[in-house]
Amino acid sequence: MSTTNEETQILQDLWEKDPKNWKLGFIYYNRQDKRAFIPKRIKILGMTYNFANSKSLIFIIIATVLVVYFLSK
């Protein structure tokens, strides 16, 4: 079954608004959502990570290692 862009957008909006996908109110965790970065609950505040997505976890680890590396110099 193929989904259109409009159906995909509606599904993503539903996921973003579902309180079960937000841990502690600010950590987005949804295994069904394949996006690594999603808009925050308050869209004006930017983007957040989908902690259920391995790509976002890899990005967080690499970014943390780089920050620690450059701060330790």
PDB file of N, CA and C in Angstrom:
ATOM      1  N   MET A   1       0.840  -1.177   0.000  1.00  0.00           N
ATOM      2  CA  MET A   1       0.000   0.000   0.000  1.00  0.00           C
ATOM      3  C   MET A   1       0.886   1.241   0.000  1.00  0.00           C
ATOM      4  N   SER A   2       0.640   2.103  -0.927  1.00  0.00           N
ATOM      5  CA  SER A   2       1.421   3.324  -1.073  1.00  0.00           C
ATOM      6  C   SER A   2       0.703   4.493  -0.414  1.00  0.00           C
ATOM      7  N   THR A   3       1.475   5.329   0.251  1.00  0.00           N
ATOM      8  CA  THR A   3       0.876   6.514   0.861  1.00  0.00           C
ATOM      9  C   THR A   3       1.337   7.744   0.116  1.00  0.00           C
ATOM     10  N   THR A   4       0.479   8.726   0.052  1.00  0.00           N
ATOM     11  CA  THR A   4       0.821   9.972  -0.607  1.00  0.00           C
ATOM     12  C   THR A   4       1.547  10.884   0.377  1.00  0.00           C
ATOM     13  N   ASN A   5       2.115  11.950  -0.144  1.00  0.00           N
ATOM     14  CA  ASN A   5       2.798  12.911   0.716  1.00  0.00           C
ATOM     15  C   ASN A   5       1.841  13.524   1.724  1.00  0.00           C
ATOM     16  N   GLU A   6       0.618  13.766   1.300  1.00  0.00           N
ATOM     17  CA  GLU A   6      -0.378  14.357   2.200  1.00  0.00           C
ATOM     18  C   GLU A   6      -0.712  13.392   3.341  1.00  0.00           C
ATOM     19  N   GLU A   7      -0.878  12.103   3.021  1.00  0.00           N
ATOM     20  CA  GLU A   7      -1.159  11.110   4.057  1.00  0.00           C
ATOM     21  C   GLU A   7       0.018  10.979   5.015  1.00  0.00           C
ATOM     22  N   THR A   8       1.228  11.014   4.468  1.00  0.00           N
ATOM     23  CA  THR A   8       2.422  10.927   5.299  1.00  0.00           C
ATOM     24  C   THR A   8       2.500  12.123   6.239  1.00  0.00           C
ATOM     25  N   GLN A   9       2.217  13.319   5.738  1.00  0.00           N
ATOM     26  CA  GLN A   9       2.255  14.526   6.565  1.00  0.00           C
ATOM     27  C   GLN A   9       1.209  14.465   7.674  1.00  0.00           C
ATOM     28  N   ILE A  10       0.022  13.978   7.353  1.00  0.00           N
ATOM     29  CA  ILE A  10      -1.042  13.848   8.362  1.00  0.00           C
ATOM     30  C   ILE A  10      -0.606  12.866   9.449  1.00  0.00           C
ATOM     31  N   LEU A  11      -0.016  11.746   9.049  1.00  0.00           N
ATOM     32  CA  LEU A  11       0.450  10.751  10.010  1.00  0.00           C
ATOM     33  C   LEU A  11       1.551  11.326  10.901  1.00  0.00           C
ATOM     34  N   GLN A  12       2.486  12.048  10.307  1.00  0.00           N
ATOM     35  CA  GLN A  12       3.564  12.661  11.090  1.00  0.00           C
ATOM     36  C   GLN A  12       3.012  13.686  12.072  1.00  0.00           C
ATOM     37  N   ASP A  13       2.037  14.475  11.645  1.00  0.00           N
ATOM     38  CA  ASP A  13       1.402  15.446  12.547  1.00  0.00           C
ATOM     39  C   ASP A  13       0.719  14.752  13.713  1.00  0.00           C
ATOM     40  N   LEU A  14       0.055  13.628  13.447  1.00  0.00           N
ATOM     41  CA  LEU A  14      -0.589  12.874  14.524  1.00  0.00           C
ATOM     42  C   LEU A  14       0.440  12.348  15.515  1.00  0.00           C
ATOM     43  N   TRP A  15       1.551  11.822  15.000  1.00  0.00           N
ATOM     44  CA  TRP A  15       2.607  11.319  15.875  1.00  0.00           C
ATOM     45  C   TRP A  15       3.167  12.425  16.747  1.00  0.00           C
ATOM     46  N   GLU A  16       3.414  13.598  16.133  1.00  0.00           N
ATOM     47  CA  GLU A  16       3.994  14.718  16.879  1.00  0.00           C
ATOM     48  C   GLU A  16       3.069  15.197  17.992  1.00  0.00           C
ATOM     49  N   LYS A  17       1.776  15.110  17.782  1.00  0.00           N
ATOM     50  CA  LYS A  17       0.817  15.610  18.764  1.00  0.00           C
ATOM     51  C   LYS A  17       0.445  14.575  19.822  1.00  0.00           C
ATOM     52  N   ASP A  18       0.820  13.324  19.609  1.00  0.00           N
ATOM     53  CA  ASP A  18       0.472  12.253  20.547  1.00  0.00           C
ATOM     54  C   ASP A  18       1.366  12.342  21.785  1.00  0.00           C
ATOM     55  N   PRO A  19       0.783  12.588  22.970  1.00  0.00           N
ATOM     56  CA  PRO A  19       1.599  12.721  24.182  1.00  0.00           C
ATOM     57  C   PRO A  19       2.374  11.458  24.552  1.00  0.00           C
ATOM     58  N   LYS A  20       1.942  10.291  24.053  1.00  0.00           N
ATOM     59  CA  LYS A  20       2.653   9.040  24.346  1.00  0.00           C
ATOM     60  C   LYS A  20       4.028   9.010  23.682  1.00  0.00           C
ATOM     61  N   ASN A  21       4.227   9.821  22.651  1.00  0.00           N
ATOM     62  CA  ASN A  21       5.514   9.856  21.950  1.00  0.00           C
ATOM     63  C   ASN A  21       6.492  10.846  22.565  1.00  0.00           C
ATOM     64  N   TRP A  22       6.053  11.580  23.579  1.00  0.00           N
ATOM     65  CA  TRP A  22       6.909  12.569  24.240  1.00  0.00           C
ATOM     66  C   TRP A  22       7.181  12.108  25.665  1.00  0.00           C
ATOM     67  N   LYS A  23       8.403  11.696  25.929  1.00  0.00           N
ATOM     68  CA  LYS A  23       8.800  11.254  27.269  1.00  0.00           C
ATOM     69  C   LYS A  23       9.239  12.484  28.070  1.00  0.00           C
ATOM     70  N   LEU A  24       8.770  12.586  29.284  1.00  0.00           N
ATOM     71  CA  LEU A  24       9.054  13.725  30.164  1.00  0.00           C
ATOM     72  C   LEU A  24       8.621  15.053  29.545  1.00  0.00           C
ATOM     73  N   GLY A  25       7.786  14.987  28.526  1.00  0.00           N
ATOM     74  CA  GLY A  25       7.254  16.194  27.907  1.00  0.00           C
ATOM     75  C   GLY A  25       8.140  16.844  26.864  1.00  0.00           C
ATOM     76  N   PHE A  26       9.407  16.430  26.757  1.00  0.00           N
ATOM     77  CA  PHE A  26      10.289  17.088  25.791  1.00  0.00           C
ATOM     78  C   PHE A  26      11.203  16.134  25.018  1.00  0.00           C
ATOM     79  N   ILE A  27      11.171  14.844  25.315  1.00  0.00           N
ATOM     80  CA  ILE A  27      11.985  13.858  24.599  1.00  0.00           C
ATOM     81  C   ILE A  27      11.071  13.075  23.668  1.00  0.00           C
ATOM     82  N   TYR A  28      11.299  13.231  22.354  1.00  0.00           N
ATOM     83  CA  TYR A  28      10.471  12.549  21.366  1.00  0.00           C
ATOM     84  C   TYR A  28      11.021  11.150  21.131  1.00  0.00           C
ATOM     85  N   TYR A  29      10.161  10.133  21.265  1.00  0.00           N
ATOM     86  CA  TYR A  29      10.563   8.735  21.103  1.00  0.00           C
ATOM     87  C   TYR A  29       9.440   7.988  20.398  1.00  0.00           C
ATOM     88  N   ASN A  30       9.643   7.702  19.112  1.00  0.00           N
ATOM     89  CA  ASN A  30       8.629   7.010  18.325  1.00  0.00           C
ATOM     90  C   ASN A  30       9.326   6.108  17.308  1.00  0.00           C
ATOM     91  N   ARG A  31       9.254   4.811  17.529  1.00  0.00           N
ATOM     92  CA  ARG A  31       9.907   3.842  16.631  1.00  0.00           C
ATOM     93  C   ARG A  31       9.278   3.819  15.238  1.00  0.00           C
ATOM     94  N   GLN A  32       8.021   4.159  15.121  1.00  0.00           N
ATOM     95  CA  GLN A  32       7.350   4.142  13.822  1.00  0.00           C
ATOM     96  C   GLN A  32       7.785   5.318  12.946  1.00  0.00           C
ATOM     97  N   ASP A  33       8.184   6.407  13.555  1.00  0.00           N
ATOM     98  CA  ASP A  33       8.583   7.610  12.832  1.00  0.00           C
ATOM     99  C   ASP A  33      10.041   7.453  12.403  1.00  0.00           C
ATOM    100  N   LYS A  34      10.288   7.409  11.117  1.00  0.00           N
ATOM    101  CA  LYS A  34      11.635   7.160  10.591  1.00  0.00           C
ATOM    102  C   LYS A  34      12.484   8.424  10.515  1.00  0.00           C
ATOM    103  N   ARG A  35      11.917   9.583  10.841  1.00  0.00           N
ATOM    104  CA  ARG A  35      12.689  10.825  10.798  1.00  0.00           C
ATOM    105  C   ARG A  35      13.641  10.891  11.984  1.00  0.00           C
ATOM    106  N   ALA A  36      14.864  11.359  11.741  1.00  0.00           N
ATOM    107  CA  ALA A  36      15.835  11.525  12.817  1.00  0.00           C
ATOM    108  C   ALA A  36      15.591  12.830  13.568  1.00  0.00           C
ATOM    109  N   PHE A  37      15.168  13.860  12.850  1.00  0.00           N
ATOM    110  CA  PHE A  37      14.903  15.169  13.435  1.00  0.00           C
ATOM    111  C   PHE A  37      13.452  15.544  13.173  1.00  0.00           C
ATOM    112  N   ILE A  38      12.793  16.041  14.194  1.00  0.00           N
ATOM    113  CA  ILE A  38      11.398  16.437  14.058  1.00  0.00           C
ATOM    114  C   ILE A  38      11.211  17.806  14.708  1.00  0.00           C
ATOM    115  N   PRO A  39      10.148  18.523  14.315  1.00  0.00           N
ATOM    116  CA  PRO A  39       9.890  19.819  14.958  1.00  0.00           C
ATOM    117  C   PRO A  39       9.543  19.632  16.430  1.00  0.00           C
ATOM    118  N   LYS A  40       9.988  20.572  17.252  1.00  0.00           N
ATOM    119  CA  LYS A  40       9.647  20.514  18.671  1.00  0.00           C
ATOM    120  C   LYS A  40       8.153  20.740  18.832  1.00  0.00           C
ATOM    121  N   ARG A  41       7.643  20.454  20.010  1.00  0.00           N
ATOM    122  CA  ARG A  41       6.211  20.625  20.273  1.00  0.00           C
ATOM    123  C   ARG A  41       5.797  22.067  20.030  1.00  0.00           C
ATOM    124  N   ILE A  42       6.636  23.003  20.415  1.00  0.00           N
ATOM    125  CA  ILE A  42       6.419  24.413  20.107  1.00  0.00           C
ATOM    126  C   ILE A  42       7.314  24.703  18.907  1.00  0.00           C
ATOM    127  N   LYS A  43       6.725  24.745  17.726  1.00  0.00           N
ATOM    128  CA  LYS A  43       7.469  24.762  16.461  1.00  0.00           C
ATOM    129  C   LYS A  43       8.479  25.904  16.363  1.00  0.00           C
ATOM    130  N   ILE A  44       8.191  27.029  16.970  1.00  0.00           N
ATOM    131  CA  ILE A  44       9.072  28.191  16.892  1.00  0.00           C
ATOM    132  C   ILE A  44      10.428  27.930  17.560  1.00  0.00           C
ATOM    133  N   LEU A  45      10.508  26.920  18.415  1.00  0.00           N
ATOM    134  CA  LEU A  45      11.746  26.605  19.136  1.00  0.00           C
ATOM    135  C   LEU A  45      12.702  25.723  18.343  1.00  0.00           C
ATOM    136  N   GLY A  46      12.312  25.315  17.126  1.00  0.00           N
ATOM    137  CA  GLY A  46      13.234  24.570  16.274  1.00  0.00           C
ATOM    138  C   GLY A  46      12.955  23.082  16.202  1.00  0.00           C
ATOM    139  N   MET A  47      14.040  22.308  16.149  1.00  0.00           N
ATOM    140  CA  MET A  47      13.942  20.866  15.937  1.00  0.00           C
ATOM    141  C   MET A  47      14.449  20.114  17.165  1.00  0.00           C
ATOM    142  N   THR A  48      14.069  18.837  17.237  1.00  0.00           N
ATOM    143  CA  THR A  48      14.571  17.944  18.272  1.00  0.00           C
ATOM    144  C   THR A  48      14.875  16.596  17.628  1.00  0.00           C
ATOM    145  N   TYR A  49      15.444  15.709  18.388  1.00  0.00           N
ATOM    146  CA  TYR A  49      15.805  14.381  17.889  1.00  0.00           C
ATOM    147  C   TYR A  49      14.692  13.386  18.171  1.00  0.00           C
ATOM    148  N   ASN A  50      14.593  12.388  17.299  1.00  0.00           N
ATOM    149  CA  ASN A  50      13.757  11.231  17.576  1.00  0.00           C
ATOM    150  C   ASN A  50      14.688  10.199  18.202  1.00  0.00           C
ATOM    151  N   PHE A  51      14.633  10.055  19.514  1.00  0.00           N
ATOM    152  CA  PHE A  51      15.573   9.196  20.220  1.00  0.00           C
ATOM    153  C   PHE A  51      15.360   7.715  19.910  1.00  0.00           C
ATOM    154  N   ALA A  52      14.308   7.349  19.211  1.00  0.00           N
ATOM    155  CA  ALA A  52      14.091   5.966  18.797  1.00  0.00           C
ATOM    156  C   ALA A  52      14.778   5.670  17.463  1.00  0.00           C
ATOM    157  N   ASN A  53      15.319   6.690  16.819  1.00  0.00           N
ATOM    158  CA  ASN A  53      15.952   6.533  15.519  1.00  0.00           C
ATOM    159  C   ASN A  53      17.466   6.429  15.716  1.00  0.00           C
ATOM    160  N   SER A  54      18.069   5.388  15.171  1.00  0.00           N
ATOM    161  CA  SER A  54      19.506   5.160  15.364  1.00  0.00           C
ATOM    162  C   SER A  54      20.344   6.265  14.729  1.00  0.00           C
ATOM    163  N   LYS A  55      19.870   6.884  13.646  1.00  0.00           N
ATOM    164  CA  LYS A  55      20.630   7.958  13.007  1.00  0.00           C
ATOM    165  C   LYS A  55      20.783   9.155  13.947  1.00  0.00           C
ATOM    166  N   SER A  56      19.729   9.485  14.661  1.00  0.00           N
ATOM    167  CA  SER A  56      19.825  10.624  15.570  1.00  0.00           C
ATOM    168  C   SER A  56      20.732  10.301  16.751  1.00  0.00           C
ATOM    169  N   LEU A  57      20.710   9.067  17.217  1.00  0.00           N
ATOM    170  CA  LEU A  57      21.595   8.682  18.323  1.00  0.00           C
ATOM    171  C   LEU A  57      23.059   8.739  17.899  1.00  0.00           C
ATOM    172  N   ILE A  58      23.354   8.304  16.697  1.00  0.00           N
ATOM    173  CA  ILE A  58      24.726   8.384  16.172  1.00  0.00           C
ATOM    174  C   ILE A  58      25.155   9.840  16.075  1.00  0.00           C
ATOM    175  N   PHE A  59      24.259  10.702  15.580  1.00  0.00           N
ATOM    176  CA  PHE A  59      24.560  12.127  15.472  1.00  0.00           C
ATOM    177  C   PHE A  59      24.857  12.729  16.846  1.00  0.00           C
ATOM    178  N   ILE A  60      24.056  12.393  17.845  1.00  0.00           N
ATOM    179  CA  ILE A  60      24.250  12.916  19.201  1.00  0.00           C
ATOM    180  C   ILE A  60      25.602  12.467  19.759  1.00  0.00           C
ATOM    181  N   ILE A  61      25.950  11.209  19.560  1.00  0.00           N
ATOM    182  CA  ILE A  61      27.223  10.687  20.061  1.00  0.00           C
ATOM    183  C   ILE A  61      28.396  11.388  19.390  1.00  0.00           C
ATOM    184  N   ILE A  62      28.346  11.528  18.062  1.00  0.00           N
ATOM    185  CA  ILE A  62      29.432  12.197  17.332  1.00  0.00           C
ATOM    186  C   ILE A  62      29.550  13.652  17.763  1.00  0.00           C
ATOM    187  N   ALA A  63      28.434  14.346  17.877  1.00  0.00           N
ATOM    188  CA  ALA A  63      28.460  15.748  18.294  1.00  0.00           C
ATOM    189  C   ALA A  63      29.033  15.886  19.696  1.00  0.00           C
ATOM    190  N   THR A  64      28.656  15.004  20.602  1.00  0.00           N
ATOM    191  CA  THR A  64      29.172  15.044  21.973  1.00  0.00           C
ATOM    192  C   THR A  64      30.675  14.799  21.997  1.00  0.00           C
ATOM    193  N   VAL A  65      31.135  13.816  21.250  1.00  0.00           N
ATOM    194  CA  VAL A  65      32.567  13.519  21.196  1.00  0.00           C
ATOM    195  C   VAL A  65      33.333  14.713  20.642  1.00  0.00           C
ATOM    196  N   LEU A  66      32.828  15.356  19.589  1.00  0.00           N
ATOM    197  CA  LEU A  66      33.507  16.519  19.023  1.00  0.00           C
ATOM    198  C   LEU A  66      33.567  17.682  20.008  1.00  0.00           C
ATOM    199  N   VAL A  67      32.477  17.937  20.706  1.00  0.00           N
ATOM    200  CA  VAL A  67      32.456  19.022  21.689  1.00  0.00           C
ATOM    201  C   VAL A  67      33.469  18.751  22.796  1.00  0.00           C
ATOM    202  N   VAL A  68      33.455  17.539  23.316  1.00  0.00           N
ATOM    203  CA  VAL A  68      34.397  17.180  24.393  1.00  0.00           C
ATOM    204  C   VAL A  68      35.843  17.288  23.879  1.00  0.00           C
ATOM    205  N   TYR A  69      36.074  16.844  22.674  1.00  0.00           N
ATOM    206  CA  TYR A  69      37.426  16.900  22.082  1.00  0.00           C
ATOM    207  C   TYR A  69      37.915  18.339  21.977  1.00  0.00           C
ATOM    208  N   PHE A  70      37.100  19.219  21.411  1.00  0.00           N
ATOM    209  CA  PHE A  70      37.534  20.599  21.214  1.00  0.00           C
ATOM    210  C   PHE A  70      37.600  21.390  22.512  1.00  0.00           C
ATOM    211  N   LEU A  71      36.785  21.037  23.489  1.00  0.00           N
ATOM    212  CA  LEU A  71      36.844  21.722  24.772  1.00  0.00           C
ATOM    213  C   LEU A  71      38.045  21.266  25.609  1.00  0.00           C
ATOM    214  N   SER A  72      38.539  20.074  25.340  1.00  0.00           N
ATOM    215  CA  SER A  72      39.660  19.556  26.120  1.00  0.00           C
ATOM    216  C   SER A  72      41.014  20.049  25.610  1.00  0.00           C
ATOM    217  N   LYS A  73      41.021  20.699  24.462  1.00  0.00           N
ATOM    218  CA  LYS A  73      42.298  21.200  23.905  1.00  0.00           C
ATOM    219  C   LYS A  73      42.747  22.440  24.625  1.00  0.00           C
TER     220      LYS A  73
END
